[in-house]
Structure formats: C-alpha cells, structure tokens
Amino acid sequence: MDLLSIIVPVIVSAILTALMVPLIIRLSLKKKLCDTVDERTVHSGEVPRLGGSAFILSVLVALVVAVLMSDSEEIRCCLTVWSGWVQYWALIAAALIIYFSGIWDDIRHMGYKMKFVFQLLSALLIVVVGNFWLNDLCGLFGIGALSPWVGKPLSVLLVVYIINAFNLIDGIDGLASALGFIATAVIGAVFLMTGQHIMAVLSFALAVSLAVFFCFNKFGSTRNHTKIFMGDGGSQTMGLIIAFLVIFMSMRKGGEAYSAVQWPVVAFCLIIIPCFDAVRVMAGRIRRGVNPFLPDQTHIHHKLLRMGCSATRTLVTIVLLDVALVVLNIVLAVADIGLDSRVKINLILALDLLIWWGVLRRLKS
C-alpha cells in the first residue's frame, strides 16, 4: 500500500466532515435538536448536539476508499487476520449500534442503564464475534499471556470503560476531540511504522475528522450558527473506535515476540487522562454514596474552572498535561534503561499514578 493510498482516504474523511457539520448544524437548528442550558453547562445560546454524526460516515467512507485503492493482496492479508471478514463486520456493527444509540440519547435522553446495555452489546460484538481482545499484559502486575476466559471478559470491560471515559470527559469545548485527536494520531503513526496500513487509515481518518470538528466546536459561534457539540453519539462512537484501536495495538498477533517498545504501555498511555479521571470521579461518587453513573461537576475540567481558569486555559492545560504524559510514557517505553521489560512496564504505570496524584493534589490546593 503506497503513501497515496493512505493520504487520499484521510483527506476524504476531512472534507466529508467539513461538509457534513454545517449541514448537521442547519438540520439540528431546524428540528430544535439543541443542547439545553442548565447548572452543569458552561455555554449559552442554542448549540446543536449532533456533531458526532459526521464521524462514522467520514471514517467508513475513508476506509472504503482505502480498500479500493489498495492492491488485492494487501486487502486479502488485512481482511483474513484470524477470523476473516466476520470480525470487520462485527466492528462495523458495534460502531453503528453505539452510534445510533448515542444519537437516540441526544434526541430522546436515554437512561444510563439502557446506554450501558448498548455499550455492552457493542463491546461483546468486538471481543467475542470480532475476536479482538487483550491477550497479553506483557508483565503488567506480573501477568503475561491471558487465556480467552480472562482476556475476553477483561477486554469487554475495557471497551465499555473507554467508551464512558470519553463520554465523561466531554465537558468543555474541544476537550474530548483534542484528546481523541492526540490518541488517534499517535496510534495511526504506530500502525504506519509497523506496516498495518488499513488500521493506520482508520486511525488517521478519525483523527482528521476530530480535528475538523474541533474547529467548529471550539471556534464556532452561536451568533452565526457555526458552533456544534459532539453529543453522546459522537463521544461514544469515538470512544468505541479508540477502544478498538488500543486493544488491537496491544494484542500479540500469532507467534510474534514481545516488543521492546511495550505496545500496551504506549497504547493505554494515549488515553490516560480520560481513563484516570473516570476512575477518580466514579470512586468519588461511590464514596459519597451517590450513584456513580449520574452526572456531577467533579471532573478535572470542572476543578480547573472552579480555580478561576477560563475554558480555553482549562483546555490548554489538560491537553498539555496529556501530551507530556504521552511523550514521557513513549520515551520510557522505547528507552533502553537496563531494566527487564516486565519491571519497566510496572514502573511506568507507578510513575503515571504518582504524577496523576500530584496533579490532583495541586488542584485541591
């Protein structure tokens, strides 16, 4: 697969998103499908909330273009990994389920229990039917290869967890899309370097779609009807695709040896802030005797806003922290520091937790 077969589909994804978002804004305003202003919102005016509708179509079209531009041998190789075509149909079906359920929630407000059912169904399709699951922890917590009886349930939980982590972090303009862009851009670069070109197209197509959406979300205006929110349909679809990419990147395929790069560390560090923040928020709600699935104002962006930071400064602060953690984790993962890989992976996790604890202590002061 030549470079043009990657660049063209990615450009197509960006153009489609740029064309679709204004159409979605007009339709949403016409049908009154706008976000309501309440005590949790940090905006004013009518803002359409179906921006994520542009993601899945743009990404799917980009993948079709990539497949059509690829040589038949590579397509055959890519589509016959382990279980063949069925695993990719399972992935598409999972994305469509989470997308339509999210759109329904944006329009009709679905209860959290029903949302969880659709998330679980999507995760089961990816893991059980698609056969994409975390089969090796590479020494994390002293654990190596995982049996399907452990790896598959763990992977289902991880998919549901990552979906909710990105859904929960979507609290101020540009935050979820910026964090999603960083994750998918780096994952795409890794897939490109390792020769997994179709997966690189999937990653980059979502990355550019998120970048285009970010411009509307962050810099758009309610006055001239150019502002739009991602909505649950967008945040959950983005979370599902990123969960799949993270698990696929972390999997050991066939008889491949352990990677000196520690791909599981690199993969999961890319979503470290949404995941760490979700755990902290859920744990805090449980400790206070509050339903962990009901919304509140205890996320990291809410803390920064209460400290007097503007929405833009809050966004920049969290994005810079995310970039710093990603760079630190990748440097430590690839560096030869004379430690056994199984020891290093646990030290990296310990360092991440220590940094996160330090950040939270700073936010409390």
Protein backbone atom coordinates (compact mmCIF):
# COMPACT_ATOMS: atom_id res chain seq x y z
CA MET A 1 0.00 0.00 0.00
CA ASP A 2 1.66 3.25 -1.11
CA LEU A 3 1.53 6.53 0.77
CA LEU A 4 -1.06 7.98 -1.62
CA SER A 5 -3.48 5.20 -0.64
CA ILE A 6 -3.28 6.49 2.93
CA ILE A 7 -3.27 10.23 2.26
CA VAL A 8 -6.26 10.29 -0.12
CA PRO A 9 -8.72 8.48 2.22
CA VAL A 10 -7.65 10.70 5.12
CA ILE A 11 -8.23 13.84 3.03
CA VAL A 12 -11.63 12.44 2.01
CA SER A 13 -12.51 12.00 5.69
CA ALA A 14 -11.55 15.60 6.47
CA ILE A 15 -13.51 17.01 3.52
CA LEU A 16 -16.60 14.95 4.32
CA THR A 17 -16.57 16.11 7.94
CA ALA A 18 -16.14 19.74 6.88
CA LEU A 19 -19.11 19.42 4.51
CA MET A 20 -21.35 17.47 6.87
CA VAL A 21 -21.01 19.54 10.04
CA PRO A 22 -22.66 22.71 8.61
CA LEU A 23 -25.48 20.54 7.25
CA ILE A 24 -25.95 18.92 10.66
CA ILE A 25 -25.99 22.36 12.31
CA ARG A 26 -28.73 23.61 9.98
CA LEU A 27 -30.81 20.45 10.40
CA SER A 28 -30.42 20.49 14.19
CA LEU A 29 -31.47 24.13 14.46
CA LYS A 30 -34.46 23.48 12.20
CA LYS A 31 -35.58 20.46 14.25
CA LYS A 32 -34.70 22.12 17.61
CA LEU A 33 -32.15 19.42 18.44
CA CYS A 34 -30.01 21.69 20.58
CA ASP A 35 -28.29 21.37 23.95
CA THR A 36 -30.23 22.73 26.90
CA VAL A 37 -28.71 25.21 29.31
CA ASP A 38 -28.64 24.03 32.95
CA GLU A 39 -26.48 24.24 36.06
CA ARG A 40 -23.84 21.90 34.56
CA THR A 41 -23.36 23.67 31.23
CA VAL A 42 -20.66 26.22 30.52
CA HIS A 43 -22.25 27.71 27.40
CA SER A 44 -25.15 29.96 26.47
CA GLY A 45 -27.44 30.03 23.48
CA GLU A 46 -28.72 27.23 21.24
CA VAL A 47 -25.98 24.79 20.28
CA PRO A 48 -26.72 21.70 18.13
CA ARG A 49 -25.55 18.50 19.80
CA LEU A 50 -25.34 16.01 16.91
CA GLY A 51 -21.81 16.85 15.72
CA GLY A 52 -20.62 13.28 16.17
CA SER A 53 -22.91 12.24 13.32
CA ALA A 54 -20.14 13.26 10.94
CA PHE A 55 -17.55 10.89 12.43
CA ILE A 56 -18.76 7.46 11.50
CA LEU A 57 -19.74 8.22 7.90
CA SER A 58 -16.46 10.06 7.22
CA VAL A 59 -14.40 7.20 8.68
CA LEU A 60 -16.34 4.46 6.87
CA VAL A 61 -16.06 6.25 3.52
CA ALA A 62 -12.32 6.74 4.12
CA LEU A 63 -11.92 3.01 4.78
CA VAL A 64 -13.83 2.11 1.61
CA VAL A 65 -11.62 4.46 -0.42
CA ALA A 66 -8.50 2.94 1.20
CA VAL A 67 -9.62 -0.59 0.36
CA LEU A 68 -10.44 0.35 -3.24
CA MET A 69 -7.02 1.99 -3.67
CA SER A 70 -5.11 -0.93 -2.12
CA ASP A 71 -3.73 -3.86 -4.03
CA SER A 72 -5.76 -7.05 -3.74
CA GLU A 73 -3.01 -8.98 -1.92
CA GLU A 74 -2.86 -6.49 0.95
CA ILE A 75 -6.65 -6.38 1.22
CA ARG A 76 -6.73 -10.15 1.39
CA CYS A 77 -4.00 -10.14 4.05
CA CYS A 78 -5.72 -7.48 6.15
CA LEU A 79 -9.19 -8.97 5.94
CA THR A 80 -8.18 -12.54 6.73
CA VAL A 81 -6.34 -11.92 10.01
CA TRP A 82 -7.53 -14.75 12.31
CA SER A 83 -11.26 -14.91 11.61
CA GLY A 84 -11.64 -13.14 8.26
CA TRP A 85 -14.42 -10.84 7.13
CA VAL A 86 -16.76 -11.53 10.04
CA GLN A 87 -14.54 -9.69 12.54
CA TYR A 88 -14.69 -6.50 10.49
CA TRP A 89 -18.45 -6.71 10.06
CA ALA A 90 -18.63 -7.16 13.84
CA LEU A 91 -16.62 -3.97 14.32
CA ILE A 92 -18.84 -2.01 11.91
CA ALA A 93 -22.00 -3.38 13.56
CA ALA A 94 -20.67 -2.43 17.00
CA ALA A 95 -19.89 1.11 15.82
CA LEU A 96 -23.34 1.50 14.26
CA ILE A 97 -25.08 0.25 17.42
CA ILE A 98 -23.22 2.64 19.68
CA TYR A 99 -23.67 5.46 17.17
CA PHE A 100 -27.45 5.11 16.75
CA SER A 101 -28.00 4.55 20.48
CA GLY A 102 -25.96 7.70 21.16
CA ILE A 103 -27.95 9.71 18.64
CA TRP A 104 -31.17 8.44 20.22
CA ASP A 105 -29.86 9.56 23.61
CA ASP A 106 -29.04 13.01 22.20
CA ILE A 107 -32.60 13.32 20.88
CA ARG A 108 -34.72 11.49 23.47
CA HIS A 109 -32.42 11.24 26.54
CA MET A 110 -31.87 7.54 27.22
CA GLY A 111 -31.37 6.28 30.78
CA TYR A 112 -27.88 5.22 31.85
CA LYS A 113 -28.95 1.57 32.26
CA MET A 114 -30.10 1.34 28.65
CA LYS A 115 -26.94 3.12 27.50
CA PHE A 116 -24.90 0.51 29.35
CA VAL A 117 -26.80 -2.31 27.59
CA PHE A 118 -25.92 -0.91 24.15
CA GLN A 119 -22.31 -0.33 25.20
CA LEU A 120 -22.06 -3.90 26.47
CA LEU A 121 -23.59 -5.26 23.27
CA SER A 122 -21.11 -3.31 21.15
CA ALA A 123 -18.20 -4.49 23.29
CA LEU A 124 -19.34 -8.12 23.01
CA LEU A 125 -19.51 -7.83 19.22
CA ILE A 126 -15.94 -6.56 19.02
CA VAL A 127 -14.47 -9.02 21.51
CA VAL A 128 -16.50 -12.20 21.07
CA VAL A 129 -17.61 -12.03 17.43
CA GLY A 130 -14.74 -9.95 16.08
CA ASN A 131 -12.16 -11.80 18.19
CA PHE A 132 -10.32 -8.60 19.10
CA TRP A 133 -9.20 -8.97 22.71
CA LEU A 134 -6.30 -8.20 25.01
CA ASN A 135 -4.39 -11.49 25.08
CA ASP A 136 -1.20 -10.43 26.87
CA LEU A 137 -0.39 -7.87 29.59
CA CYS A 138 3.36 -8.12 28.84
CA GLY A 139 4.28 -8.35 32.53
CA LEU A 140 1.92 -5.69 33.90
CA PHE A 141 1.20 -6.67 37.54
CA GLY A 142 3.45 -9.66 36.83
CA ILE A 143 0.94 -11.09 34.32
CA GLY A 144 1.92 -12.26 30.84
CA ALA A 145 -0.27 -14.16 28.40
CA LEU A 146 -4.01 -14.23 29.14
CA SER A 147 -6.37 -17.09 28.44
CA PRO A 148 -9.55 -16.27 26.50
CA TRP A 149 -11.55 -16.87 29.70
CA VAL A 150 -9.73 -13.94 31.32
CA GLY A 151 -8.71 -11.79 28.36
CA LYS A 152 -12.10 -11.59 26.68
CA PRO A 153 -14.16 -10.51 29.74
CA LEU A 154 -11.38 -8.05 30.61
CA SER A 155 -11.48 -6.64 27.08
CA VAL A 156 -15.29 -6.24 27.20
CA LEU A 157 -14.94 -4.26 30.42
CA LEU A 158 -12.15 -2.16 28.90
CA VAL A 159 -14.22 -1.28 25.83
CA VAL A 160 -17.19 -0.20 27.97
CA TYR A 161 -14.85 1.68 30.31
CA ILE A 162 -13.10 3.59 27.49
CA ILE A 163 -16.43 4.49 25.86
CA ASN A 164 -17.62 6.00 29.14
CA ALA A 165 -14.27 7.67 29.86
CA PHE A 166 -14.50 9.71 26.64
CA ASN A 167 -18.20 10.35 27.17
CA LEU A 168 -17.50 11.72 30.66
CA ILE A 169 -14.53 13.91 29.65
CA ASP A 170 -16.66 15.71 27.03
CA GLY A 171 -17.43 18.64 29.32
CA ILE A 172 -15.93 21.76 27.74
CA ASP A 173 -15.48 22.87 24.14
CA GLY A 174 -12.77 20.98 22.30
CA LEU A 175 -11.58 18.75 25.15
CA ALA A 176 -12.84 15.32 24.06
CA SER A 177 -11.97 15.93 20.40
CA ALA A 178 -8.48 17.22 21.29
CA LEU A 179 -7.69 14.21 23.50
CA GLY A 180 -9.18 11.88 20.88
CA PHE A 181 -7.08 13.53 18.16
CA ILE A 182 -3.84 13.04 20.12
CA ALA A 183 -4.63 9.37 20.74
CA THR A 184 -5.66 8.51 17.17
CA ALA A 185 -2.83 10.48 15.54
CA VAL A 186 -0.18 8.64 17.59
CA ILE A 187 -1.87 5.26 17.10
CA GLY A 188 -2.02 5.93 13.37
CA ALA A 189 1.71 6.74 13.32
CA VAL A 190 2.46 3.45 15.14
CA PHE A 191 0.36 1.45 12.68
CA LEU A 192 2.07 3.22 9.78
CA MET A 193 5.51 2.34 11.16
CA THR A 194 4.53 -1.30 11.71
CA GLY A 195 3.03 -1.71 8.23
CA GLN A 196 -0.63 -2.04 9.31
CA HIS A 197 -1.87 0.40 6.73
CA ILE A 198 -5.64 -0.17 6.89
CA MET A 199 -5.54 0.38 10.64
CA ALA A 200 -3.43 3.49 10.04
CA VAL A 201 -6.12 4.82 7.70
CA LEU A 202 -8.81 4.13 10.31
CA SER A 203 -6.79 6.00 12.95
CA PHE A 204 -5.83 8.97 10.78
CA ALA A 205 -9.33 9.25 9.28
CA LEU A 206 -10.83 9.60 12.76
CA ALA A 207 -8.01 11.98 13.79
CA VAL A 208 -8.64 14.44 10.94
CA SER A 209 -12.41 14.17 11.42
CA LEU A 210 -11.91 15.13 15.08
CA ALA A 211 -9.58 17.98 14.08
CA VAL A 212 -12.20 19.45 11.72
CA PHE A 213 -14.92 19.02 14.34
CA PHE A 214 -12.68 20.72 16.94
CA CYS A 215 -12.61 23.89 14.82
CA PHE A 216 -16.42 24.09 14.75
CA ASN A 217 -16.78 23.11 18.40
CA LYS A 218 -14.13 25.44 19.83
CA PHE A 219 -14.13 28.39 17.45
CA GLY A 220 -17.70 28.33 16.16
CA SER A 221 -20.24 30.90 17.28
CA THR A 222 -23.88 30.60 18.25
CA ARG A 223 -24.41 34.03 16.67
CA ASN A 224 -23.62 32.87 13.14
CA HIS A 225 -24.69 29.24 13.69
CA THR A 226 -21.26 27.64 13.30
CA LYS A 227 -20.94 26.10 16.78
CA ILE A 228 -21.79 22.44 17.45
CA PHE A 229 -21.37 19.87 20.22
CA MET A 230 -20.25 16.29 19.81
CA GLY A 231 -23.15 14.77 21.72
CA ASP A 232 -23.31 11.24 23.11
CA GLY A 233 -23.49 9.86 19.58
CA GLY A 234 -20.10 11.38 18.85
CA SER A 235 -18.29 10.83 22.15
CA GLN A 236 -19.41 7.21 22.45
CA THR A 237 -18.60 6.38 18.82
CA MET A 238 -15.18 8.00 19.19
CA GLY A 239 -14.62 6.10 22.44
CA LEU A 240 -15.58 2.78 20.85
CA ILE A 241 -13.25 3.20 17.87
CA ILE A 242 -10.38 4.32 20.12
CA ALA A 243 -11.03 1.34 22.45
CA PHE A 244 -10.81 -1.00 19.45
CA LEU A 245 -7.59 0.66 18.21
CA VAL A 246 -5.99 0.50 21.66
CA ILE A 247 -6.82 -3.20 22.06
CA PHE A 248 -5.73 -4.04 18.50
CA MET A 249 -2.45 -2.20 19.06
CA SER A 250 -1.86 -4.06 22.35
CA MET A 251 -2.63 -7.55 21.04
CA ARG A 252 0.07 -10.07 20.30
CA LYS A 253 -0.67 -11.49 16.86
CA GLY A 254 0.22 -15.10 16.12
CA GLY A 255 3.66 -16.03 17.36
CA GLU A 256 5.20 -12.57 17.49
CA ALA A 257 7.73 -11.93 20.23
CA TYR A 258 7.44 -9.32 22.96
CA SER A 259 8.06 -5.85 21.63
CA ALA A 260 10.86 -3.83 23.18
CA VAL A 261 8.58 -0.83 22.69
CA GLN A 262 5.98 -2.19 25.13
CA TRP A 263 2.94 -1.50 22.92
CA PRO A 264 0.36 -1.98 25.72
CA VAL A 265 2.02 0.83 27.68
CA VAL A 266 2.16 3.09 24.64
CA ALA A 267 -1.44 2.28 23.66
CA PHE A 268 -3.05 2.90 27.05
CA CYS A 269 -0.95 5.98 27.89
CA LEU A 270 -2.65 7.68 24.93
CA ILE A 271 -5.97 7.69 26.79
CA ILE A 272 -4.55 8.13 30.26
CA ILE A 273 -6.34 11.36 31.26
CA PRO A 274 -9.90 10.29 30.32
CA CYS A 275 -9.35 6.89 31.94
CA PHE A 276 -7.73 8.13 35.15
CA ASP A 277 -10.31 10.90 35.52
CA ALA A 278 -13.21 8.47 35.03
CA VAL A 279 -11.91 6.18 37.78
CA ARG A 280 -11.39 9.10 40.17
CA VAL A 281 -14.84 10.56 39.52
CA MET A 282 -16.64 7.21 39.86
CA ALA A 283 -14.75 6.36 43.05
CA GLY A 284 -15.59 9.78 44.50
CA ARG A 285 -19.30 9.36 43.77
CA ILE A 286 -19.35 5.91 45.38
CA ARG A 287 -17.50 7.23 48.43
CA ARG A 288 -20.09 9.99 48.82
CA GLY A 289 -22.93 7.48 48.48
CA VAL A 290 -24.01 8.93 45.13
CA ASN A 291 -25.00 6.93 42.04
CA PRO A 292 -21.69 6.65 40.10
CA PHE A 293 -23.49 6.91 36.75
CA LEU A 294 -25.24 10.23 37.43
CA PRO A 295 -23.50 13.43 36.24
CA ASP A 296 -21.86 15.94 38.53
CA GLN A 297 -19.16 18.63 38.46
CA THR A 298 -16.14 16.79 39.82
CA HIS A 299 -14.19 16.17 36.61
CA ILE A 300 -10.71 17.60 36.14
CA HIS A 301 -12.02 20.36 33.86
CA HIS A 302 -14.61 21.37 36.47
CA LYS A 303 -11.85 21.62 39.08
CA LEU A 304 -9.78 23.91 36.87
CA LEU A 305 -12.82 26.08 36.08
CA ARG A 306 -13.57 26.46 39.81
CA MET A 307 -9.96 27.55 40.35
CA GLY A 308 -10.68 30.52 38.07
CA CYS A 309 -9.27 29.20 34.79
CA SER A 310 -11.12 30.15 31.64
CA ALA A 311 -12.49 27.40 29.42
CA THR A 312 -9.65 27.96 26.93
CA ARG A 313 -6.97 27.89 29.62
CA THR A 314 -8.52 24.74 31.08
CA LEU A 315 -8.45 23.09 27.65
CA VAL A 316 -4.82 24.06 27.02
CA THR A 317 -3.75 22.91 30.50
CA ILE A 318 -5.32 19.45 30.15
CA VAL A 319 -4.07 18.98 26.58
CA LEU A 320 -0.51 19.95 27.57
CA LEU A 321 -0.66 17.54 30.52
CA ASP A 322 -1.88 14.81 28.17
CA VAL A 323 0.91 15.48 25.66
CA ALA A 324 3.51 15.49 28.45
CA LEU A 325 2.29 12.15 29.80
CA VAL A 326 2.16 10.61 26.31
CA VAL A 327 5.70 11.77 25.45
CA LEU A 328 7.04 10.62 28.84
CA ASN A 329 5.46 7.18 28.51
CA ILE A 330 6.67 6.66 24.94
CA VAL A 331 10.22 7.79 25.76
CA LEU A 332 10.37 5.46 28.78
CA ALA A 333 8.83 2.60 26.78
CA VAL A 334 11.38 2.77 23.95
CA ALA A 335 14.41 3.72 26.07
CA ASP A 336 16.93 1.07 26.98
CA ILE A 337 17.44 1.75 30.68
CA GLY A 338 18.81 -1.66 31.59
CA LEU A 339 15.63 -2.97 33.20
CA ASP A 340 13.69 -6.09 32.37
CA SER A 341 10.66 -5.16 30.24
CA ARG A 342 8.29 -6.66 32.84
CA VAL A 343 9.77 -4.47 35.55
CA LYS A 344 9.78 -1.38 33.34
CA ILE A 345 6.12 -1.63 32.42
CA ASN A 346 5.12 -1.61 36.11
CA LEU A 347 7.47 1.27 36.93
CA ILE A 348 5.94 3.32 34.11
CA LEU A 349 2.44 2.71 35.50
CA ALA A 350 3.62 3.63 39.00
CA LEU A 351 5.14 6.86 37.68
CA ASP A 352 1.90 7.72 35.84
CA LEU A 353 -0.11 7.21 39.03
CA LEU A 354 2.36 9.32 41.02
CA ILE A 355 2.14 12.18 38.50
CA TRP A 356 -1.67 11.96 38.46
CA TRP A 357 -1.77 12.03 42.28
CA GLY A 358 0.50 15.08 42.25
CA VAL A 359 -1.75 16.88 39.75
CA LEU A 360 -4.85 16.16 41.84
CA ARG A 361 -3.09 17.39 45.00
CA ARG A 362 -2.23 20.60 43.15
CA LEU A 363 -5.85 21.07 42.05
CA LYS A 364 -7.04 20.71 45.66
CA SER A 365 -4.76 23.45 46.91
